[in-house]
């Protein structure tokens, strides 16, 4: 299991901002955080349950690609959960 550092998470977010564009990033991924990569599964948190569902449905491929390029390990699936309160 790889726990992403703050710098790695910021690098993933920068890649997503660049690839998706500022409007989509600011609308859907504001407050988004990638925390770990285990067995090819990226675990990430979104600001709400609704945003987690939208991000999971629309942006999983881009997230997996960004995490894979930053960490250097294969990422085949993305699990987006609402941030715990």
C-alpha atoms as a PDB file:
ATOM      1  CA  UNK A   1       0.000   0.000   0.000  1.00  0.00           C
ATOM      2  CA  UNK A   2       1.249   3.457  -0.918  1.00  0.00           C
ATOM      3  CA  UNK A   3       0.029   6.394   1.127  1.00  0.00           C
ATOM      4  CA  UNK A   4       0.236   9.528  -0.986  1.00  0.00           C
ATOM      5  CA  UNK A   5       2.140  12.417   0.539  1.00  0.00           C
ATOM      6  CA  UNK A   6       0.741  15.928   0.445  1.00  0.00           C
ATOM      7  CA  UNK A   7       3.160  16.750  -2.387  1.00  0.00           C
ATOM      8  CA  UNK A   8       2.026  13.719  -4.412  1.00  0.00           C
ATOM      9  CA  UNK A   9      -1.621  14.640  -3.846  1.00  0.00           C
ATOM     10  CA  UNK A  10      -0.939  18.197  -5.004  1.00  0.00           C
ATOM     11  CA  UNK A  11       0.838  16.858  -8.096  1.00  0.00           C
ATOM     12  CA  UNK A  12      -2.198  14.676  -8.888  1.00  0.00           C
ATOM     13  CA  UNK A  13      -4.498  17.671  -8.449  1.00  0.00           C
ATOM     14  CA  UNK A  14      -2.302  19.815 -10.707  1.00  0.00           C
ATOM     15  CA  UNK A  15      -2.382  17.155 -13.426  1.00  0.00           C
ATOM     16  CA  UNK A  16      -6.175  16.891 -13.133  1.00  0.00           C
ATOM     17  CA  UNK A  17      -6.587  20.671 -13.244  1.00  0.00           C
ATOM     18  CA  UNK A  18      -4.457  20.807 -16.385  1.00  0.00           C
ATOM     19  CA  UNK A  19      -6.146  17.876 -18.154  1.00  0.00           C
ATOM     20  CA  UNK A  20      -9.768  18.668 -17.211  1.00  0.00           C
ATOM     21  CA  UNK A  21      -9.563  22.434 -17.355  1.00  0.00           C
ATOM     22  CA  UNK A  22     -10.103  24.955 -14.596  1.00  0.00           C
ATOM     23  CA  UNK A  23     -13.903  25.102 -14.922  1.00  0.00           C
ATOM     24  CA  UNK A  24     -14.483  21.338 -14.545  1.00  0.00           C
ATOM     25  CA  UNK A  25     -11.819  21.062 -11.855  1.00  0.00           C
ATOM     26  CA  UNK A  26     -13.251  23.931  -9.798  1.00  0.00           C
ATOM     27  CA  UNK A  27     -16.817  22.664 -10.207  1.00  0.00           C
ATOM     28  CA  UNK A  28     -16.293  19.005  -9.318  1.00  0.00           C
ATOM     29  CA  UNK A  29     -12.870  18.449  -7.794  1.00  0.00           C
ATOM     30  CA  UNK A  30     -12.579  21.331  -5.356  1.00  0.00           C
ATOM     31  CA  UNK A  31     -11.797  19.735  -1.978  1.00  0.00           C
ATOM     32  CA  UNK A  32     -10.941  16.408  -3.625  1.00  0.00           C
ATOM     33  CA  UNK A  33      -8.028  14.442  -2.125  1.00  0.00           C
ATOM     34  CA  UNK A  34      -6.254  11.218  -3.124  1.00  0.00           C
ATOM     35  CA  UNK A  35      -4.983   9.354  -0.088  1.00  0.00           C
ATOM     36  CA  UNK A  36      -3.660   5.939  -1.083  1.00  0.00           C
ATOM     37  CA  UNK A  37      -2.985   3.367  -3.770  1.00  0.00           C
ATOM     38  CA  UNK A  38      -3.333  -0.277  -2.755  1.00  0.00           C
ATOM     39  CA  UNK A  39      -3.497  -3.210  -5.150  1.00  0.00           C
ATOM     40  CA  UNK A  40      -4.170  -0.895  -8.081  1.00  0.00           C
ATOM     41  CA  UNK A  41      -7.087   0.800  -6.299  1.00  0.00           C
ATOM     42  CA  UNK A  42      -6.862   4.530  -5.652  1.00  0.00           C
ATOM     43  CA  UNK A  43      -8.774   5.699  -2.584  1.00  0.00           C
ATOM     44  CA  UNK A  44      -9.903   9.310  -2.733  1.00  0.00           C
ATOM     45  CA  UNK A  45     -12.262  11.593  -0.863  1.00  0.00           C
ATOM     46  CA  UNK A  46     -14.689  14.209  -2.177  1.00  0.00           C
ATOM     47  CA  UNK A  47     -16.499  16.997  -0.356  1.00  0.00           C
ATOM     48  CA  UNK A  48     -19.907  15.265  -0.423  1.00  0.00           C
ATOM     49  CA  UNK A  49     -21.625  12.022  -1.327  1.00  0.00           C
ATOM     50  CA  UNK A  50     -23.056  13.635  -4.457  1.00  0.00           C
ATOM     51  CA  UNK A  51     -19.647  14.878  -5.617  1.00  0.00           C
ATOM     52  CA  UNK A  52     -18.133  11.461  -4.886  1.00  0.00           C
ATOM     53  CA  UNK A  53     -20.697   9.857  -7.200  1.00  0.00           C
ATOM     54  CA  UNK A  54     -20.151  12.421  -9.975  1.00  0.00           C
ATOM     55  CA  UNK A  55     -16.349  12.196  -9.742  1.00  0.00           C
ATOM     56  CA  UNK A  56     -16.456   8.402  -9.706  1.00  0.00           C
ATOM     57  CA  UNK A  57     -18.729   8.241 -12.744  1.00  0.00           C
ATOM     58  CA  UNK A  58     -17.089  10.956 -14.839  1.00  0.00           C
ATOM     59  CA  UNK A  59     -13.415  11.234 -13.899  1.00  0.00           C
ATOM     60  CA  UNK A  60     -12.139   7.859 -12.659  1.00  0.00           C
ATOM     61  CA  UNK A  61      -9.981   7.230 -15.720  1.00  0.00           C
ATOM     62  CA  UNK A  62      -8.299  10.633 -15.518  1.00  0.00           C
ATOM     63  CA  UNK A  63      -7.711  10.216 -11.778  1.00  0.00           C
ATOM     64  CA  UNK A  64      -6.167   6.766 -12.244  1.00  0.00           C
ATOM     65  CA  UNK A  65      -3.899   8.097 -15.000  1.00  0.00           C
ATOM     66  CA  UNK A  66      -2.785  11.067 -12.883  1.00  0.00           C
ATOM     67  CA  UNK A  67      -2.057   8.936  -9.801  1.00  0.00           C
ATOM     68  CA  UNK A  68      -0.212   6.356 -11.888  1.00  0.00           C
ATOM     69  CA  UNK A  69       2.001   8.999 -13.471  1.00  0.00           C
ATOM     70  CA  UNK A  70       2.825  10.631 -10.108  1.00  0.00           C
ATOM     71  CA  UNK A  71       3.384   7.471  -8.051  1.00  0.00           C
ATOM     72  CA  UNK A  72       4.824   5.262 -10.786  1.00  0.00           C
ATOM     73  CA  UNK A  73       2.647   2.273  -9.891  1.00  0.00           C
ATOM     74  CA  UNK A  74      -0.349   0.934 -11.844  1.00  0.00           C
ATOM     75  CA  UNK A  75      -3.751   2.328 -10.878  1.00  0.00           C
ATOM     76  CA  UNK A  76      -6.646   0.357 -12.347  1.00  0.00           C
ATOM     77  CA  UNK A  77      -9.633   1.469 -10.263  1.00  0.00           C
ATOM     78  CA  UNK A  78     -10.704   4.539  -8.290  1.00  0.00           C
ATOM     79  CA  UNK A  79     -12.822   4.437  -5.137  1.00  0.00           C
ATOM     80  CA  UNK A  80     -14.212   7.886  -4.345  1.00  0.00           C
ATOM     81  CA  UNK A  81     -15.806   8.276  -0.946  1.00  0.00           C
ATOM     82  CA  UNK A  82     -17.441  11.253   0.754  1.00  0.00           C
ATOM     83  CA  UNK A  83     -15.083  12.933   3.181  1.00  0.00           C
ATOM     84  CA  UNK A  84     -15.737  11.797   6.756  1.00  0.00           C
ATOM     85  CA  UNK A  85     -17.120  14.534   8.965  1.00  0.00           C
END
